[in-house]
């Protein structure tokens, strides 16, 4: 349905090196405050420019689609969300990590409860939008059905239903970057970070270099989905076991079942370990990050596929990452340094079963202060034949450890290790 063309135009965003001279000042953000009112809300909407206190806008990569909807007349430019009954299904936090400005730098810990903690400001006209949503759902996968049929997962009626579906709590998280903390995490100056973001987005966000007073950036990228299995309270209970799988997006394998990599098999294996742990009285967490093709993108990934298969001698482990670097200039852009933030948001301090042999993920987590007790590898029988080149290449490049770590790993033993051993 088309909206009347007589609607008022949205306010223009003025690009300037100084804040506007409006009498109405935007709320200040004090990152790391445990009191959400003292911390201040994240206001990235464009309905009232005077209220904006961040760079960018809400919804990540979907903000461009919102622009199309407004341009075509399908969406009122000043629409404000009705947040009635949208509160999280289960309560998460707050945890001490929420008050550490260096511990969480890539998401807003209060992003799921803005409708509650900022209700008064919302009524005053501030367009404060959630960046986190928590709901419940069922997951039904053929591999889980097979695990049930083979007796690896029993039907308990609570976590695993009689029809084979899994009961999960789902969390969607949009990125919210605290630039000083992000720069510190990457061991660079904030000015260097801002300049690179400005230049490499084609000058899309001038405020990155003209507004040093704005410390928070809402990047136009995909976010993170988290699947919580079992009792959510068990995630932070030191007397109960916790299994975690951190998985980076691979559309070709995760969704369409491509057998050129181990992505879907490892994802499903991780989910199975999480269910087993939850059925034993603990909990499981699957973190799904939107970082397609090692954050190089699917177009780059497919170009590399072609280059690998057409090279002399065919697809070879010794040229696996070389061909990626020829196309993209770098073999991997995932920057796992930011990944542990979601674990800290969940209040996690110890992982008993980490379903990954990736040293990059492992070291990023333990160097952030979270203990990993044991690493769980993918069973050999789950590795597709065509994925053996990838496995061999990653072994040679030091991407992951071949054997599971001993049960008594301590933080002292791993401090100071590089991201890739």
Protein backbone atom coordinates (compact mmCIF):
# COMPACT_ATOMS: atom_id res chain seq x y z
CA UNK A 1 0.00 0.00 0.00
CA UNK A 2 1.41 3.39 -1.01
CA UNK A 3 1.67 6.13 1.58
CA UNK A 4 0.42 9.56 0.62
CA UNK A 5 3.07 11.67 -1.11
CA UNK A 6 1.98 14.66 1.04
CA UNK A 7 3.75 13.26 4.12
CA UNK A 8 6.33 15.56 5.72
CA UNK A 9 9.89 15.03 4.59
CA UNK A 10 12.30 13.52 7.13
CA UNK A 11 14.78 15.89 8.70
CA UNK A 12 18.06 16.33 6.88
CA UNK A 13 21.18 15.12 8.61
CA UNK A 14 23.68 17.97 8.66
CA UNK A 15 27.27 16.88 8.06
CA UNK A 16 29.41 19.10 10.23
CA UNK A 17 32.49 19.02 12.42
CA UNK A 18 30.47 20.47 15.29
CA UNK A 19 27.27 19.41 17.05
CA UNK A 20 24.10 21.22 16.05
CA UNK A 21 23.07 24.38 17.87
CA UNK A 22 19.66 23.05 18.80
CA UNK A 23 18.57 23.84 22.34
CA UNK A 24 17.70 20.18 22.69
CA UNK A 25 20.88 18.23 23.35
CA UNK A 26 21.10 14.47 22.66
CA UNK A 27 21.54 12.07 25.61
CA UNK A 28 25.18 11.51 26.46
CA UNK A 29 26.62 7.99 26.32
CA UNK A 30 28.90 6.92 29.18
CA UNK A 31 30.00 3.50 27.95
CA UNK A 32 30.63 1.00 30.74
CA UNK A 33 28.10 2.36 33.24
CA UNK A 34 26.10 -0.50 34.79
CA UNK A 35 23.12 1.79 35.38
CA UNK A 36 21.41 2.11 31.97
CA UNK A 37 20.12 5.61 32.76
CA UNK A 38 23.64 6.78 33.61
CA UNK A 39 25.02 4.97 30.58
CA UNK A 40 22.46 6.65 28.33
CA UNK A 41 20.41 5.25 25.43
CA UNK A 42 21.67 4.54 21.93
CA UNK A 43 19.72 6.84 19.60
CA UNK A 44 20.49 6.10 15.97
CA UNK A 45 17.14 6.91 14.41
CA UNK A 46 16.63 9.77 11.96
CA UNK A 47 13.17 10.86 13.12
CA UNK A 48 14.70 13.67 15.21
CA UNK A 49 18.24 14.65 14.28
CA UNK A 50 18.68 16.60 17.52
CA UNK A 51 18.36 13.36 19.51
CA UNK A 52 21.01 11.40 17.59
CA UNK A 53 24.07 10.50 19.65
CA UNK A 54 25.72 7.90 17.40
CA UNK A 55 27.17 7.57 13.91
CA UNK A 56 25.10 5.49 11.48
CA UNK A 57 21.58 4.18 11.93
CA UNK A 58 19.76 1.19 13.34
CA UNK A 59 19.19 -2.22 11.67
CA UNK A 60 22.70 -2.74 10.33
CA UNK A 61 22.73 -3.83 6.68
CA UNK A 62 18.93 -3.58 6.55
CA UNK A 63 19.05 0.20 6.96
CA UNK A 64 19.46 0.50 3.17
CA UNK A 65 16.28 -1.48 2.60
CA UNK A 66 14.54 0.88 5.01
CA UNK A 67 15.71 3.77 2.83
CA UNK A 68 14.19 2.07 -0.22
CA UNK A 69 10.89 1.61 1.63
CA UNK A 70 10.84 5.30 2.55
CA UNK A 71 11.84 6.41 -0.94
CA UNK A 72 9.11 4.29 -2.56
CA UNK A 73 6.45 5.59 -0.20
CA UNK A 74 5.88 2.24 1.51
CA UNK A 75 7.18 3.43 4.90
CA UNK A 76 6.47 6.65 6.76
CA UNK A 77 9.85 8.36 7.26
CA UNK A 78 8.97 9.22 10.87
CA UNK A 79 7.62 5.83 11.89
CA UNK A 80 8.33 4.87 15.51
CA UNK A 81 8.12 1.25 16.60
CA UNK A 82 5.33 0.16 18.95
CA UNK A 83 7.29 -1.96 21.44
CA UNK A 84 4.25 -3.35 23.27
CA UNK A 85 4.84 -7.00 24.33
CA UNK A 86 8.24 -7.15 22.60
CA UNK A 87 10.28 -7.60 25.80
CA UNK A 88 12.68 -10.58 26.04
CA UNK A 89 11.07 -13.95 26.76
CA UNK A 90 13.76 -14.68 29.37
CA UNK A 91 15.86 -12.34 31.46
CA UNK A 92 19.58 -12.05 30.66
CA UNK A 93 21.89 -10.03 32.91
CA UNK A 94 23.01 -7.60 33.98
CA UNK A 95 26.43 -9.11 34.67
CA UNK A 96 29.69 -7.49 35.89
CA UNK A 97 31.01 -7.62 32.30
CA UNK A 98 28.33 -5.12 31.28
CA UNK A 99 30.14 -2.48 33.35
CA UNK A 100 33.54 -3.09 31.75
CA UNK A 101 34.04 -0.67 28.85
CA UNK A 102 36.85 -2.86 27.52
CA UNK A 103 35.06 -6.18 27.93
CA UNK A 104 32.09 -5.41 25.66
CA UNK A 105 32.78 -3.04 22.76
CA UNK A 106 30.79 -4.40 19.79
CA UNK A 107 27.24 -4.63 21.12
CA UNK A 108 24.96 -2.73 23.48
CA UNK A 109 24.43 -4.85 26.62
CA UNK A 110 21.19 -2.96 27.31
CA UNK A 111 20.01 -3.38 23.71
CA UNK A 112 17.33 -5.93 24.61
CA UNK A 113 15.67 -4.02 27.43
CA UNK A 114 15.47 -0.47 26.06
CA UNK A 115 11.66 -0.63 26.11
CA UNK A 116 11.84 -1.05 29.89
CA UNK A 117 14.81 0.96 31.09
CA UNK A 118 14.28 3.89 28.73
CA UNK A 119 10.46 3.92 28.79
CA UNK A 120 10.28 7.46 30.17
CA UNK A 121 12.60 8.84 27.51
CA UNK A 122 10.65 6.99 24.81
CA UNK A 123 7.43 8.65 25.98
CA UNK A 124 9.22 11.99 25.79
CA UNK A 125 9.74 11.46 22.07
CA UNK A 126 13.16 9.82 21.91
CA UNK A 127 13.12 7.16 19.19
CA UNK A 128 15.10 4.51 21.07
CA UNK A 129 15.14 1.18 19.28
CA UNK A 130 16.18 -2.28 20.53
CA UNK A 131 19.39 -3.73 19.12
CA UNK A 132 18.81 -7.11 20.81
CA UNK A 133 15.71 -9.32 20.74
CA UNK A 134 15.16 -12.52 22.73
CA UNK A 135 12.47 -15.05 21.84
CA UNK A 136 11.77 -18.81 21.94
CA UNK A 137 11.29 -21.23 19.07
CA UNK A 138 11.68 -24.80 17.85
CA UNK A 139 14.51 -26.05 15.61
CA UNK A 140 14.05 -29.12 13.45
CA UNK A 141 17.03 -30.50 11.52
CA UNK A 142 17.39 -33.87 9.75
CA UNK A 143 20.77 -34.45 11.41
CA UNK A 144 19.16 -34.10 14.83
CA UNK A 145 16.46 -36.55 13.78
CA UNK A 146 19.25 -38.96 12.83
CA UNK A 147 20.95 -38.47 16.20
CA UNK A 148 17.69 -39.35 17.90
CA UNK A 149 17.16 -42.39 15.70
CA UNK A 150 20.68 -43.65 16.49
CA UNK A 151 20.18 -43.14 20.22
CA UNK A 152 22.68 -40.33 20.71
CA UNK A 153 19.97 -37.90 21.80
CA UNK A 154 17.04 -39.14 23.91
CA UNK A 155 13.60 -37.55 23.68
CA UNK A 156 12.99 -35.83 27.01
CA UNK A 157 9.87 -33.84 26.12
CA UNK A 158 11.43 -30.62 27.41
CA UNK A 159 14.49 -29.96 25.27
CA UNK A 160 13.97 -32.63 22.63
CA UNK A 161 10.30 -32.97 21.71
CA UNK A 162 8.62 -36.23 20.59
CA UNK A 163 8.61 -35.00 16.98
CA UNK A 164 12.38 -34.51 17.14
CA UNK A 165 12.36 -30.72 17.29
CA UNK A 166 14.53 -28.82 19.76
CA UNK A 167 13.27 -26.12 22.11
CA UNK A 168 15.62 -23.14 22.00
CA UNK A 169 15.86 -19.56 23.17
CA UNK A 170 16.92 -17.36 20.24
CA UNK A 171 18.76 -14.06 20.50
CA UNK A 172 19.29 -11.61 17.63
CA UNK A 173 21.97 -8.96 18.09
CA UNK A 174 22.70 -5.93 15.91
CA UNK A 175 26.25 -4.54 16.09
CA UNK A 176 26.89 -1.44 18.21
CA UNK A 177 30.55 -0.41 18.18
CA UNK A 178 32.13 1.65 20.94
CA UNK A 179 34.99 3.09 18.90
CA UNK A 180 37.55 3.79 21.68
CA UNK A 181 37.12 0.24 23.01
CA UNK A 182 37.23 -1.23 19.52
CA UNK A 183 40.48 0.57 18.75
CA UNK A 184 41.98 -0.61 22.01
CA UNK A 185 40.90 -4.20 21.24
CA UNK A 186 42.68 -4.03 17.87
CA UNK A 187 45.71 -2.27 19.41
CA UNK A 188 45.46 0.79 17.17
CA UNK A 189 44.70 4.47 17.73
CA UNK A 190 41.08 5.55 17.61
CA UNK A 191 41.90 8.11 14.93
CA UNK A 192 43.39 5.41 12.70
CA UNK A 193 40.29 3.27 13.14
CA UNK A 194 37.96 6.16 12.32
CA UNK A 195 39.93 7.15 9.24
CA UNK A 196 40.01 3.58 7.89
CA UNK A 197 36.27 3.12 8.45
CA UNK A 198 35.59 6.44 6.70
CA UNK A 199 37.84 5.73 3.73
CA UNK A 200 36.93 2.09 3.20
CA UNK A 201 33.19 2.87 3.18
CA UNK A 202 33.73 5.45 0.47
CA UNK A 203 33.10 8.36 2.83
CA UNK A 204 29.66 7.02 3.70
CA UNK A 205 29.92 8.21 7.31
CA UNK A 206 31.71 11.62 7.44
CA UNK A 207 31.02 11.89 11.17
CA UNK A 208 33.68 9.27 11.72
CA UNK A 209 36.29 11.96 11.02
CA UNK A 210 34.33 15.16 11.70
CA UNK A 211 32.60 14.24 14.98
CA UNK A 212 35.11 12.90 17.53
CA UNK A 213 32.52 13.62 20.22
CA UNK A 214 30.39 10.75 18.86
CA UNK A 215 31.96 7.58 20.25
CA UNK A 216 29.43 4.96 19.11
CA UNK A 217 29.02 3.66 15.55
CA UNK A 218 26.19 1.51 14.17
CA UNK A 219 27.92 -0.24 11.26
CA UNK A 220 25.91 -1.37 8.20
CA UNK A 221 26.84 -5.03 8.61
CA UNK A 222 25.14 -8.26 9.60
CA UNK A 223 24.73 -9.13 13.25
CA UNK A 224 24.80 -12.25 15.39
CA UNK A 225 22.23 -14.90 16.26
CA UNK A 226 22.56 -16.95 19.44
CA UNK A 227 20.76 -20.21 20.22
CA UNK A 228 20.49 -21.08 23.91
CA UNK A 229 19.68 -24.71 24.75
CA UNK A 230 18.46 -25.79 28.17
CA UNK A 231 18.04 -23.73 31.32
CA UNK A 232 19.36 -20.22 30.66
CA UNK A 233 20.28 -19.92 34.35
CA UNK A 234 22.75 -22.79 33.90
CA UNK A 235 24.89 -20.64 31.59
CA UNK A 236 26.32 -18.70 34.53
CA UNK A 237 26.04 -21.43 37.19
CA UNK A 238 29.59 -22.63 38.04
CA UNK A 239 28.24 -25.95 39.29
CA UNK A 240 26.72 -26.87 35.91
CA UNK A 241 28.36 -27.74 32.60
CA UNK A 242 28.34 -25.38 29.61
CA UNK A 243 28.96 -26.28 25.96
CA UNK A 244 29.60 -23.58 23.33
CA UNK A 245 29.91 -23.61 19.55
CA UNK A 246 30.98 -20.35 17.87
CA UNK A 247 30.15 -20.59 14.16
CA UNK A 248 30.85 -18.17 11.33
CA UNK A 249 28.28 -18.04 8.54
CA UNK A 250 28.69 -20.28 5.49
CA UNK A 251 25.52 -20.00 3.44
CA UNK A 252 26.56 -22.61 0.89
CA UNK A 253 27.10 -25.32 3.50
CA UNK A 254 24.91 -24.22 6.43
CA UNK A 255 21.79 -23.75 4.27
CA UNK A 256 22.38 -25.54 0.97
CA UNK A 257 24.53 -28.45 2.16
CA UNK A 258 27.65 -27.90 0.05
CA UNK A 259 30.19 -30.62 0.82
CA UNK A 260 33.31 -28.59 0.00
CA UNK A 261 33.76 -27.60 3.66
CA UNK A 262 32.91 -28.81 7.16
CA UNK A 263 30.70 -25.88 8.12
CA UNK A 264 27.26 -27.49 8.35
CA UNK A 265 28.58 -30.77 9.81
CA UNK A 266 30.46 -28.85 12.51
CA UNK A 267 27.47 -26.58 13.18
CA UNK A 268 25.13 -29.54 13.65
CA UNK A 269 27.72 -31.44 15.69
CA UNK A 270 28.05 -28.40 17.93
CA UNK A 271 24.29 -28.23 18.33
CA UNK A 272 24.21 -31.91 19.27
CA UNK A 273 26.91 -31.46 21.93
CA UNK A 274 24.99 -28.48 23.30
CA UNK A 275 21.80 -30.55 23.54
CA UNK A 276 23.64 -33.40 25.26
CA UNK A 277 25.13 -30.99 27.79
CA UNK A 278 21.73 -29.40 28.44
CA UNK A 279 20.14 -32.82 28.93
CA UNK A 280 22.83 -33.58 31.52
CA UNK A 281 21.66 -30.59 33.55
CA UNK A 282 23.83 -27.90 32.01
CA UNK A 283 23.29 -25.60 29.03
CA UNK A 284 24.43 -25.11 25.47
CA UNK A 285 25.16 -21.95 23.48
CA UNK A 286 25.52 -21.73 19.70
CA UNK A 287 26.78 -18.35 18.48
CA UNK A 288 26.15 -17.76 14.77
CA UNK A 289 28.10 -14.80 13.36
CA UNK A 290 27.26 -13.19 10.00
CA UNK A 291 30.79 -13.31 8.57
CA UNK A 292 30.31 -15.06 5.23
CA UNK A 293 33.44 -16.42 3.59
CA UNK A 294 35.73 -15.59 6.54
CA UNK A 295 34.20 -12.09 6.36
CA UNK A 296 35.43 -11.72 2.77
CA UNK A 297 31.95 -12.17 1.31
CA UNK A 298 30.33 -14.81 -0.84
CA UNK A 299 31.40 -13.29 -4.18
CA UNK A 300 35.03 -13.42 -3.10
CA UNK A 301 34.56 -16.95 -1.81
CA UNK A 302 33.18 -18.21 -5.12
CA UNK A 303 35.95 -16.45 -7.07
CA UNK A 304 38.47 -18.25 -4.90
CA UNK A 305 36.69 -21.57 -5.51
CA UNK A 306 37.18 -21.07 -9.26
CA UNK A 307 40.82 -20.03 -8.86
CA UNK A 308 41.60 -23.05 -6.69
CA UNK A 309 40.00 -25.57 -9.03
CA UNK A 310 41.47 -24.10 -12.25
CA UNK A 311 45.06 -23.81 -11.07
CA UNK A 312 47.66 -26.21 -12.34
CA UNK A 313 47.40 -29.47 -10.45
CA UNK A 314 43.83 -28.76 -9.31
CA UNK A 315 42.67 -27.89 -5.81
CA UNK A 316 45.64 -28.26 -3.44
CA UNK A 317 46.10 -27.64 0.26
CA UNK A 318 49.41 -25.83 -0.28
CA UNK A 319 47.68 -23.18 -2.45
CA UNK A 320 44.43 -22.92 -0.47
CA UNK A 321 45.13 -19.64 1.33
CA UNK A 322 47.42 -18.31 -1.37
CA UNK A 323 44.56 -18.20 -3.86
CA UNK A 324 42.41 -16.40 -1.28
CA UNK A 325 45.10 -13.78 -0.75
CA UNK A 326 45.48 -13.29 -4.51
CA UNK A 327 41.80 -12.34 -4.75
CA UNK A 328 41.11 -10.66 -1.41
CA UNK A 329 44.56 -9.54 -0.32
CA UNK A 330 44.21 -11.33 3.02
CA UNK A 331 43.23 -14.93 3.93
CA UNK A 332 40.84 -14.02 6.74
CA UNK A 333 39.06 -10.85 7.91
CA UNK A 334 36.86 -12.22 10.70
CA UNK A 335 38.78 -10.53 13.52
CA UNK A 336 37.81 -12.97 16.25
CA UNK A 337 38.91 -10.36 18.81
CA UNK A 338 35.35 -8.99 18.75
CA UNK A 339 33.62 -12.38 18.99
CA UNK A 340 33.92 -12.93 22.79
CA UNK A 341 31.72 -9.89 23.49
CA UNK A 342 28.53 -11.92 23.10
CA UNK A 343 29.86 -14.52 25.54
CA UNK A 344 30.58 -11.78 28.09
CA UNK A 345 27.09 -10.37 27.50
CA UNK A 346 25.72 -13.79 28.51
CA UNK A 347 27.81 -13.67 31.69
CA UNK A 348 30.01 -16.61 30.65
CA UNK A 349 33.25 -17.03 32.61
CA UNK A 350 33.96 -20.72 31.87
CA UNK A 351 33.25 -23.03 28.94
CA UNK A 352 33.46 -26.72 29.76
CA UNK A 353 33.09 -28.01 26.19
CA UNK A 354 34.19 -25.74 23.38
CA UNK A 355 33.09 -27.35 20.12
CA UNK A 356 35.86 -26.02 17.90
CA UNK A 357 39.52 -26.70 17.25
CA UNK A 358 40.13 -23.20 15.83
CA UNK A 359 43.07 -21.58 17.59
CA UNK A 360 41.89 -18.14 16.45
CA UNK A 361 38.56 -18.57 18.24
CA UNK A 362 40.09 -20.35 21.22
CA UNK A 363 42.78 -17.75 21.87
CA UNK A 364 40.40 -14.82 21.39
CA UNK A 365 38.11 -16.26 24.05
CA UNK A 366 40.71 -17.19 26.66
CA UNK A 367 42.63 -13.94 26.15
CA UNK A 368 39.39 -12.12 26.95
CA UNK A 369 39.32 -13.81 30.37
CA UNK A 370 37.04 -16.80 29.76
CA UNK A 371 38.37 -20.23 30.69
CA UNK A 372 38.00 -23.10 28.23
CA UNK A 373 38.23 -26.49 29.93
CA UNK A 374 38.04 -28.84 26.94
CA UNK A 375 37.97 -28.52 23.15
CA UNK A 376 35.73 -30.90 21.21
CA UNK A 377 36.78 -31.77 17.62
CA UNK A 378 34.48 -32.78 14.81
CA UNK A 379 34.34 -36.59 14.43
CA UNK A 380 36.28 -37.83 11.40
CA UNK A 381 33.19 -39.51 9.95
CA UNK A 382 31.44 -36.12 9.66
CA UNK A 383 34.13 -34.60 7.43
CA UNK A 384 33.01 -34.66 3.75
CA UNK A 385 35.54 -36.10 1.29
CA UNK A 386 35.73 -32.85 -0.71
CA UNK A 387 36.52 -30.92 2.47
CA UNK A 388 39.81 -32.72 3.09
CA UNK A 389 41.72 -30.04 1.12
CA UNK A 390 40.40 -27.40 3.53
CA UNK A 391 41.29 -29.54 6.54
CA UNK A 392 44.82 -30.14 5.28
CA UNK A 393 45.31 -26.45 4.44
CA UNK A 394 44.15 -25.30 7.86
CA UNK A 395 46.42 -27.80 9.58
CA UNK A 396 49.40 -26.53 7.59
CA UNK A 397 48.52 -22.89 8.28
CA UNK A 398 48.12 -23.45 12.02
CA UNK A 399 44.43 -22.58 12.00
CA UNK A 400 43.55 -25.18 14.58
CA UNK A 401 44.79 -27.75 17.03
CA UNK A 402 44.35 -31.35 15.89
CA UNK A 403 43.76 -32.94 19.28
CA UNK A 404 41.34 -31.95 22.02
CA UNK A 405 42.92 -29.89 24.75
CA UNK A 406 43.44 -31.51 28.18
CA UNK A 407 40.65 -31.16 30.70
CA UNK A 408 42.59 -28.90 33.11
CA UNK A 409 43.55 -25.97 30.87
CA UNK A 410 44.01 -22.82 32.90
CA UNK A 411 44.23 -19.21 31.85
CA UNK A 412 47.82 -19.02 33.09
CA UNK A 413 48.86 -21.66 30.57
CA UNK A 414 47.55 -19.79 27.56
CA UNK A 415 48.19 -16.12 28.35
CA UNK A 416 50.40 -14.46 25.79
CA UNK A 417 49.78 -16.86 22.91
CA UNK A 418 49.26 -15.38 19.45
CA UNK A 419 45.95 -15.54 17.60
CA UNK A 420 47.29 -18.26 15.31
CA UNK A 421 49.74 -20.70 16.83
